[in-house]
Every structure is written in C-alpha cells, then in structure tokens.
C-alpha atoms as a PDB file:
ATOM      1  CA  MET A   1     125.383  85.749  90.562  1.00  0.00           C
ATOM      2  CA  LEU A   2     128.725  87.078  89.347  1.00  0.00           C
ATOM      3  CA  PHE A   3     129.603  87.469  85.649  1.00  0.00           C
ATOM      4  CA  ASP A   4     133.416  86.901  85.459  1.00  0.00           C
ATOM      5  CA  ALA A   5     135.625  87.520  88.467  1.00  0.00           C
ATOM      6  CA  GLY A   6     139.027  89.000  87.893  1.00  0.00           C
ATOM      7  CA  LYS A   7     139.521  90.261  91.450  1.00  0.00           C
ATOM      8  CA  SER A   8     140.399  88.379  94.652  1.00  0.00           C
ATOM      9  CA  PHE A   9     137.750  87.061  97.101  1.00  0.00           C
ATOM     10  CA  SER A  10     138.491  89.834  99.587  1.00  0.00           C
ATOM     11  CA  GLU A  11     138.389  92.669  97.043  1.00  0.00           C
ATOM     12  CA  THR A  12     135.193  91.296  95.461  1.00  0.00           C
ATOM     13  CA  ALA A  13     133.541  90.801  98.850  1.00  0.00           C
ATOM     14  CA  GLY A  14     134.598  94.218  99.973  1.00  0.00           C
ATOM     15  CA  ARG A  15     133.220  96.003  96.894  1.00  0.00           C
ATOM     16  CA  MET A  16     129.952  94.077  97.263  1.00  0.00           C
ATOM     17  CA  ALA A  17     129.704  95.065 100.847  1.00  0.00           C
ATOM     18  CA  LEU A  18     130.087  98.699  99.962  1.00  0.00           C
ATOM     19  CA  LEU A  19     126.895  98.252  97.823  1.00  0.00           C
ATOM     20  CA  GLY A  20     125.071  96.564 100.753  1.00  0.00           C
ATOM     21  CA  LYS A  21     125.524  93.044  99.115  1.00  0.00           C
ATOM     22  CA  GLU A  22     126.794  89.902 100.740  1.00  0.00           C
ATOM     23  CA  ILE A  23     129.114  87.749  98.661  1.00  0.00           C
ATOM     24  CA  ARG A  24     127.812  84.553 100.382  1.00  0.00           C
ATOM     25  CA  GLU A  25     124.487  85.128  98.719  1.00  0.00           C
ATOM     26  CA  VAL A  26     126.068  84.549  95.258  1.00  0.00           C
ATOM     27  CA  ASP A  27     124.651  81.368  93.720  1.00  0.00           C
ATOM     28  CA  GLY A  28     127.045  80.958  90.881  1.00  0.00           C
ATOM     29  CA  ILE A  29     129.702  82.537  88.598  1.00  0.00           C
ATOM     30  CA  VAL A  30     129.456  82.795  84.844  1.00  0.00           C
ATOM     31  CA  LEU A  31     132.600  83.029  82.788  1.00  0.00           C
ATOM     32  CA  SER A  32     132.613  84.741  79.354  1.00  0.00           C
ATOM     33  CA  HIS A  33     136.100  83.885  78.094  1.00  0.00           C
ATOM     34  CA  ALA A  34     139.534  82.659  79.051  1.00  0.00           C
ATOM     35  CA  HIS A  35     141.408  85.849  79.692  1.00  0.00           C
ATOM     36  CA  GLY A  36     142.983  86.243  83.186  1.00  0.00           C
ATOM     37  CA  ASP A  37     141.420  89.602  83.880  1.00  0.00           C
ATOM     38  CA  HIS A  38     138.032  87.803  83.756  1.00  0.00           C
ATOM     39  CA  TYR A  39     138.841  84.527  85.542  1.00  0.00           C
ATOM     40  CA  GLN A  40     141.610  85.075  88.074  1.00  0.00           C
ATOM     41  CA  GLY A  41     139.275  85.333  90.986  1.00  0.00           C
ATOM     42  CA  ILE A  42     136.896  82.620  89.974  1.00  0.00           C
ATOM     43  CA  GLY A  43     138.685  79.614  91.551  1.00  0.00           C
ATOM     44  CA  PRO A  44     139.208  81.050  95.057  1.00  0.00           C
ATOM     45  CA  ILE A  45     135.671  82.529  95.166  1.00  0.00           C
ATOM     46  CA  ALA A  46     133.920  79.476  93.840  1.00  0.00           C
ATOM     47  CA  ARG A  47     135.687  77.128  96.133  1.00  0.00           C
ATOM     48  CA  ARG A  48     135.353  79.267  99.262  1.00  0.00           C
ATOM     49  CA  LEU A  49     131.546  79.638  98.676  1.00  0.00           C
ATOM     50  CA  ALA A  50     131.089  76.158  97.342  1.00  0.00           C
ATOM     51  CA  ILE A  51     129.241  77.448  94.247  1.00  0.00           C
ATOM     52  CA  PRO A  52     129.099  76.254  90.641  1.00  0.00           C
ATOM     53  CA  VAL A  53     130.876  77.887  87.715  1.00  0.00           C
ATOM     54  CA  TYR A  54     128.948  78.126  84.452  1.00  0.00           C
ATOM     55  CA  VAL A  55     131.223  78.082  81.362  1.00  0.00           C
ATOM     56  CA  ARG A  56     131.378  76.912  77.757  1.00  0.00           C
ATOM     57  CA  LYS A  57     133.411  73.757  77.265  1.00  0.00           C
ATOM     58  CA  GLU A  58     135.921  75.375  74.967  1.00  0.00           C
ATOM     59  CA  VAL A  59     136.382  78.155  77.312  1.00  0.00           C
ATOM     60  CA  TYR A  60     136.898  75.814  80.262  1.00  0.00           C
ATOM     61  CA  SER A  61     139.454  73.721  78.324  1.00  0.00           C
ATOM     62  CA  ALA A  62     141.529  76.900  77.689  1.00  0.00           C
ATOM     63  CA  CYS A  63     141.846  77.818  81.363  1.00  0.00           C
ATOM     64  CA  ARG A  64     140.937  74.691  83.492  1.00  0.00           C
ATOM     65  CA  TRP A  65     144.467  74.250  84.848  1.00  0.00           C
ATOM     66  CA  LYS A  66     144.560  77.864  86.078  1.00  0.00           C
ATOM     67  CA  LEU A  67     141.019  77.676  87.523  1.00  0.00           C
ATOM     68  CA  GLY A  68     141.750  74.629  89.635  1.00  0.00           C
ATOM     69  CA  PRO A  69     139.175  72.052  90.923  1.00  0.00           C
ATOM     70  CA  LEU A  70     135.638  73.441  90.480  1.00  0.00           C
ATOM     71  CA  ASN A  71     131.995  72.394  90.335  1.00  0.00           C
ATOM     72  CA  VAL A  72     131.764  73.136  86.628  1.00  0.00           C
ATOM     73  CA  ARG A  73     128.433  73.338  84.667  1.00  0.00           C
ATOM     74  CA  HIS A  74     128.735  73.690  80.880  1.00  0.00           C
ATOM     75  CA  PHE A  75     126.316  75.668  78.712  1.00  0.00           C
ATOM     76  CA  GLU A  76     125.929  76.388  75.093  1.00  0.00           C
ATOM     77  CA  GLY A  77     122.518  77.912  74.549  1.00  0.00           C
ATOM     78  CA  GLU A  78     120.229  79.383  77.161  1.00  0.00           C
ATOM     79  CA  PHE A  79     120.705  78.141  80.775  1.00  0.00           C
ATOM     80  CA  ARG A  80     119.250  78.971  84.220  1.00  0.00           C
ATOM     81  CA  ILE A  81     120.608  79.857  87.597  1.00  0.00           C
ATOM     82  CA  LYS A  82     117.654  79.399  89.941  1.00  0.00           C
ATOM     83  CA  GLU A  83     114.855  81.578  88.493  1.00  0.00           C
ATOM     84  CA  LEU A  84     117.044  83.594  86.145  1.00  0.00           C
ATOM     85  CA  ALA A  85     117.369  82.621  82.450  1.00  0.00           C
ATOM     86  CA  ILE A  86     120.636  83.605  80.846  1.00  0.00           C
ATOM     87  CA  THR A  87     121.261  83.697  77.142  1.00  0.00           C
ATOM     88  CA  PRO A  88     124.805  83.729  75.694  1.00  0.00           C
ATOM     89  CA  ILE A  89     125.364  86.258  72.910  1.00  0.00           C
ATOM     90  CA  GLU A  90     128.228  85.784  70.488  1.00  0.00           C
ATOM     91  CA  THR A  91     130.989  88.492  70.656  1.00  0.00           C
ATOM     92  CA  SER A  92     134.181  88.696  68.462  1.00  0.00           C
ATOM     93  CA  HIS A  93     137.417  88.302  70.408  1.00  0.00           C
ATOM     94  CA  ASP A  94     140.740  86.555  69.926  1.00  0.00           C
ATOM     95  CA  VAL A  95     139.523  83.647  72.051  1.00  0.00           C
ATOM     96  CA  THR A  96     136.046  82.103  72.217  1.00  0.00           C
ATOM     97  CA  SER A  97     133.948  84.608  74.012  1.00  0.00           C
ATOM     98  CA  CYS A  98     130.375  85.711  74.598  1.00  0.00           C
ATOM     99  CA  GLY A  99     128.251  88.276  76.215  1.00  0.00           C
ATOM    100  CA  PHE A 100     124.989  87.599  78.074  1.00  0.00           C
ATOM    101  CA  VAL A 101     121.390  88.666  78.279  1.00  0.00           C
ATOM    102  CA  VAL A 102     119.460  88.396  81.550  1.00  0.00           C
ATOM    103  CA  GLY A 103     115.922  89.478  81.245  1.00  0.00           C
ATOM    104  CA  ARG A 104     116.071  92.841  79.483  1.00  0.00           C
ATOM    105  CA  PHE A 105     119.645  93.635  80.466  1.00  0.00           C
ATOM    106  CA  GLY A 106     122.630  92.812  78.238  1.00  0.00           C
ATOM    107  CA  MET A 107     126.393  92.625  78.876  1.00  0.00           C
ATOM    108  CA  PHE A 108     128.725  92.922  75.950  1.00  0.00           C
ATOM    109  CA  THR A 109     132.427  93.371  76.500  1.00  0.00           C
ATOM    110  CA  ASP A 110     135.655  92.100  74.820  1.00  0.00           C
ATOM    111  CA  THR A 111     134.484  92.286  71.270  1.00  0.00           C
ATOM    112  CA  GLY A 112     136.282  93.802  68.293  1.00  0.00           C
ATOM    113  CA  CYS A 113     133.103  94.502  66.381  1.00  0.00           C
ATOM    114  CA  VAL A 114     129.386  94.575  66.856  1.00  0.00           C
ATOM    115  CA  THR A 115     128.100  91.084  66.006  1.00  0.00           C
ATOM    116  CA  SER A 116     124.872  90.226  64.416  1.00  0.00           C
ATOM    117  CA  GLN A 117     123.664  88.583  67.563  1.00  0.00           C
ATOM    118  CA  MET A 118     124.426  91.773  69.481  1.00  0.00           C
ATOM    119  CA  LYS A 119     122.340  93.824  67.039  1.00  0.00           C
ATOM    120  CA  GLU A 120     119.539  91.398  67.236  1.00  0.00           C
ATOM    121  CA  ALA A 121     119.583  91.140  71.109  1.00  0.00           C
ATOM    122  CA  ILE A 122     119.644  94.863  71.846  1.00  0.00           C
ATOM    123  CA  ARG A 123     116.286  95.362  70.257  1.00  0.00           C
ATOM    124  CA  GLU A 124     114.615  93.589  73.154  1.00  0.00           C
ATOM    125  CA  LEU A 125     116.721  95.181  76.000  1.00  0.00           C
ATOM    126  CA  ASP A 126     115.997  98.055  78.339  1.00  0.00           C
ATOM    127  CA  ALA A 127     119.630  98.471  79.400  1.00  0.00           C
ATOM    128  CA  VAL A 128     123.069  97.376  78.306  1.00  0.00           C
ATOM    129  CA  LEU A 129     126.614  97.170  79.820  1.00  0.00           C
ATOM    130  CA  LEU A 130     128.806  97.800  76.761  1.00  0.00           C
ATOM    131  CA  GLU A 131     132.485  97.842  76.311  1.00  0.00           C
ATOM    132  CA  SER A 132     134.020 101.320  75.530  1.00  0.00           C
ATOM    133  CA  ASN A 133     137.629 100.217  75.763  1.00  0.00           C
ATOM    134  CA  TYR A 134     139.888 102.752  74.062  1.00  0.00           C
ATOM    135  CA  ASP A 135     140.317 106.199  72.487  1.00  0.00           C
ATOM    136  CA  GLU A 136     141.876 105.546  69.108  1.00  0.00           C
ATOM    137  CA  GLU A 137     144.189 108.560  69.235  1.00  0.00           C
ATOM    138  CA  MET A 138     145.415 107.575  72.699  1.00  0.00           C
ATOM    139  CA  LEU A 139     146.006 104.035  71.554  1.00  0.00           C
ATOM    140  CA  MET A 140     147.959 105.020  68.473  1.00  0.00           C
ATOM    141  CA  ASN A 141     150.083 107.510  70.331  1.00  0.00           C
ATOM    142  CA  GLY A 142     150.549 105.337  73.309  1.00  0.00           C
ATOM    143  CA  PRO A 143     153.367 102.952  74.511  1.00  0.00           C
ATOM    144  CA  TYR A 144     151.887  99.629  73.248  1.00  0.00           C
ATOM    145  CA  PRO A 145     153.894  97.759  70.671  1.00  0.00           C
ATOM    146  CA  ARG A 146     152.632  97.834  67.111  1.00  0.00           C
ATOM    147  CA  LEU A 147     151.275  94.197  67.183  1.00  0.00           C
ATOM    148  CA  LEU A 148     149.285  94.773  70.276  1.00  0.00           C
ATOM    149  CA  LYS A 149     147.818  98.016  68.797  1.00  0.00           C
ATOM    150  CA  GLU A 150     146.800  96.075  65.671  1.00  0.00           C
ATOM    151  CA  ARG A 151     145.208  93.323  67.816  1.00  0.00           C
ATOM    152  CA  ILE A 152     143.161  95.757  69.782  1.00  0.00           C
ATOM    153  CA  LEU A 153     142.067  97.608  66.668  1.00  0.00           C
ATOM    154  CA  SER A 154     141.097  94.361  64.831  1.00  0.00           C
ATOM    155  CA  ALA A 155     137.627  92.857  64.525  1.00  0.00           C
ATOM    156  CA  ARG A 156     138.760  90.398  67.205  1.00  0.00           C
ATOM    157  CA  GLY A 157     140.006  92.959  69.612  1.00  0.00           C
ATOM    158  CA  HIS A 158     137.992  95.639  71.546  1.00  0.00           C
ATOM    159  CA  LEU A 159     135.353  98.250  70.864  1.00  0.00           C
ATOM    160  CA  SER A 160     136.628 101.864  70.732  1.00  0.00           C
ATOM    161  CA  ASN A 161     134.687 104.740  72.352  1.00  0.00           C
ATOM    162  CA  ASP A 162     133.505 105.768  68.892  1.00  0.00           C
ATOM    163  CA  ASP A 163     132.398 102.168  68.038  1.00  0.00           C
ATOM    164  CA  ALA A 164     130.410 101.794  71.312  1.00  0.00           C
ATOM    165  CA  SER A 165     128.710 105.144  70.911  1.00  0.00           C
ATOM    166  CA  ASP A 166     127.825 104.501  67.294  1.00  0.00           C
ATOM    167  CA  PHE A 167     126.272 101.073  68.146  1.00  0.00           C
ATOM    168  CA  ILE A 168     124.012 102.784  70.710  1.00  0.00           C
ATOM    169  CA  ARG A 169     123.159 105.558  68.255  1.00  0.00           C
ATOM    170  CA  ARG A 170     122.174 103.109  65.567  1.00  0.00           C
ATOM    171  CA  HIS A 171     120.559 100.399  67.624  1.00  0.00           C
ATOM    172  CA  GLY A 172     119.892 101.577  71.175  1.00  0.00           C
ATOM    173  CA  SER A 173     117.819 104.720  70.988  1.00  0.00           C
ATOM    174  CA  HIS A 174     115.110 102.887  72.928  1.00  0.00           C
ATOM    175  CA  LEU A 175     117.342 102.056  75.974  1.00  0.00           C
ATOM    176  CA  SER A 176     116.631 103.447  79.394  1.00  0.00           C
ATOM    177  CA  MET A 177     120.275 103.246  80.578  1.00  0.00           C
ATOM    178  CA  VAL A 178     123.744 102.468  79.091  1.00  0.00           C
ATOM    179  CA  PHE A 179     126.660 101.400  81.177  1.00  0.00           C
ATOM    180  CA  LEU A 180     130.009 102.093  79.481  1.00  0.00           C
ATOM    181  CA  ALA A 181     132.611  99.714  80.840  1.00  0.00           C
ATOM    182  CA  HIS A 182     135.940  97.877  80.407  1.00  0.00           C
ATOM    183  CA  LEU A 183     137.948 101.014  79.938  1.00  0.00           C
ATOM    184  CA  SER A 184     141.617 100.573  79.110  1.00  0.00           C
ATOM    185  CA  GLY A 185     143.885 101.914  81.872  1.00  0.00           C
ATOM    186  CA  GLN A 186     146.500 103.068  79.258  1.00  0.00           C
ATOM    187  CA  ASN A 187     144.418 104.108  76.270  1.00  0.00           C
ATOM    188  CA  ASN A 188     141.312 105.709  77.658  1.00  0.00           C
ATOM    189  CA  THR A 189     139.861 108.044  80.254  1.00  0.00           C
ATOM    190  CA  ALA A 190     136.361 108.614  81.553  1.00  0.00           C
ATOM    191  CA  GLU A 191     136.335 112.078  80.018  1.00  0.00           C
ATOM    192  CA  LYS A 192     137.159 110.570  76.585  1.00  0.00           C
ATOM    193  CA  VAL A 193     134.273 108.094  76.909  1.00  0.00           C
ATOM    194  CA  ARG A 194     131.849 110.858  77.856  1.00  0.00           C
ATOM    195  CA  GLU A 195     132.905 113.070  75.026  1.00  0.00           C
ATOM    196  CA  ALA A 196     132.476 110.322  72.436  1.00  0.00           C
ATOM    197  CA  PHE A 197     129.075 109.103  73.863  1.00  0.00           C
ATOM    198  CA  GLU A 198     127.592 112.508  74.242  1.00  0.00           C
ATOM    199  CA  SER A 199     128.577 113.522  70.712  1.00  0.00           C
ATOM    200  CA  LEU A 200     126.295 110.858  69.307  1.00  0.00           C
ATOM    201  CA  ASN A 201     123.773 110.205  72.191  1.00  0.00           C
ATOM    202  CA  ALA A 202     123.168 113.561  73.747  1.00  0.00           C
ATOM    203  CA  ASP A 203     119.857 112.544  75.454  1.00  0.00           C
ATOM    204  CA  ARG A 204     120.636 108.964  76.367  1.00  0.00           C
ATOM    205  CA  PRO A 205     121.108 108.272  80.113  1.00  0.00           C
ATOM    206  CA  TYR A 206     124.426 106.571  80.752  1.00  0.00           C
ATOM    207  CA  VAL A 207     127.127 105.729  83.373  1.00  0.00           C
ATOM    208  CA  VAL A 208     130.834 105.344  82.864  1.00  0.00           C
ATOM    209  CA  CYS A 209     131.954 102.429  84.982  1.00  0.00           C
ATOM    210  CA  SER A 210     135.117 102.911  87.034  1.00  0.00           C
ATOM    211  CA  ARG A 211     138.076 100.593  86.760  1.00  0.00           C
ATOM    212  CA  SER A 212     139.037 101.092  90.357  1.00  0.00           C
ATOM    213  CA  ARG A 213     135.800 101.025  92.384  1.00  0.00           C
ATOM    214  CA  GLN A 214     132.275  99.640  92.385  1.00  0.00           C
ATOM    215  CA  THR A 215     129.869 101.590  90.138  1.00  0.00           C
ATOM    216  CA  GLY A 216     126.633 101.255  92.066  1.00  0.00           C
ATOM    217  CA  THR A 217     123.358  99.385  92.354  1.00  0.00           C
ATOM    218  CA  TYR A 218     120.560  99.967  89.807  1.00  0.00           C
ATOM    219  CA  LEU A 219     117.003  98.710  89.590  1.00  0.00           C
ATOM    220  CA  LEU A 220     115.871  98.357  86.026  1.00  0.00           C
ATOM    221  CA  ASN A 221     112.188  98.474  85.502  1.00  0.00           C
ATOM    222  CA  GLY A 222     111.718  99.016  81.825  1.00  0.00           C
ATOM    223  CA  ARG A 223     108.619  97.517  80.108  1.00  0.00           C
ATOM    224  CA  GLY A 224     107.346  96.056  83.434  1.00  0.00           C
ATOM    225  CA  SER A 225     110.289  93.847  84.298  1.00  0.00           C
ATOM    226  CA  GLY A 226     112.404  94.401  87.382  1.00  0.00           C
ATOM    227  CA  LEU A 227     116.083  93.454  87.699  1.00  0.00           C
ATOM    228  CA  GLU A 228     118.598  94.668  90.227  1.00  0.00           C
ATOM    229  CA  ILE A 229     122.197  94.930  89.002  1.00  0.00           C
END
C-alpha cells in the first residue's frame, strides 16, 4: 500500500522499481490530509491501477475536486487493507490530519505538536517514521514571510528537529529504529537533523529520509512481528 502520494505515477513507479518493488502490486492508497504535496499523485496512480483510496470524509471533501473520480473508501477508526489493520492517530495540523499505525510501525508527519494519541501509540511500537521538518534558526533567518514562519512554528504547523528528537528521547527509548522524515527544503538539512537527534539520542538507531530519492527497504522484526516497509 501507499501512504500518501505526492509524486507522479512515473516517479513513484520508478522509485519503487529501484527498491525492487512493483507499483502494480499496490492494493490501495491511504491519504492523511488534504495538502497537495501529499495527494497530487493519488488520482493518476489510483485510476491507472484501479485501486481504492482510503480517506476520512472531511479530508476527502476538502480535496475531492482535485483528486478526480476515484473508488473512495472512508474510514474513521481502525480499518483493513487485506490482512493489514491500520489505525489512524490524531496529529495537529492546520487541516484535518492523522498519522497511522500498522502493526508495530507508526507514521507521524505534519503535526505542530506531539499529540496525546502519538504519545500513547508509540509505547507499543518498534519503529516510527517521524517528521523532523525544520531547524528553528534556519527558519527564523530564512526567506519565508512572517505569517508563514508563525504557521510552521505553531501547534498546528510542523515539528522542528528539536521537537522530534525530544519526543523520541522522552517516549521512544525502546524503539529499534527511527526514520526522520518530511524535511523542509528551505529550512533544514540532513546534517541539522543528525546533529539534533544525536544530541539527545546518541545510541538510538535512525535514518534521515531523503527528499529527493527513495530511502530504502527495511524489515522490522521487533517483538516477534515482521513488517517490510
């Protein structure tokens, strides 16, 4: 399955192929929220593959005209795609949004703060993909207008490198792997992410996910459960 799809069919298929994956084996696409960088590729991919899109009603209403005709399946609580159970986890963004838990793997991006559901969910996880969006000094000294900076910094914006690293320090000491993702192209670098994370989580295995290329394939086997991501 795909969680969000902001790239074109050809780019998504190409990146998957480099990982030894076939896009035609995708059984469905799950959408977290109605921002273009997360849904721009969903319509073309879903129609070409004739697969369903799983989305909250409120999220779908906000972007349905841009998505085009689709086989839409709404969810609120836990839902399934074939044998996989997927649980939505509330995040805090400037539109209705959520992260997801699949087995013992969690995905939390586009959130201006660590929500109570995120804190509760991470206790049962073996690995997490977590937003580490910006370096605060780069953001404040960068070219963005004041209102946009305030939005990003707000509780309905994005997690900074320090926020993400502190969340793992406080609640993720048991994790076998952390994927730090959704880096800003203007206000962050991989080096800044590493510096912040290692300052608080020196012994925690982690990967900084690239904006421009596929990160890799990982088999998570913590606590007896196997999940390939």
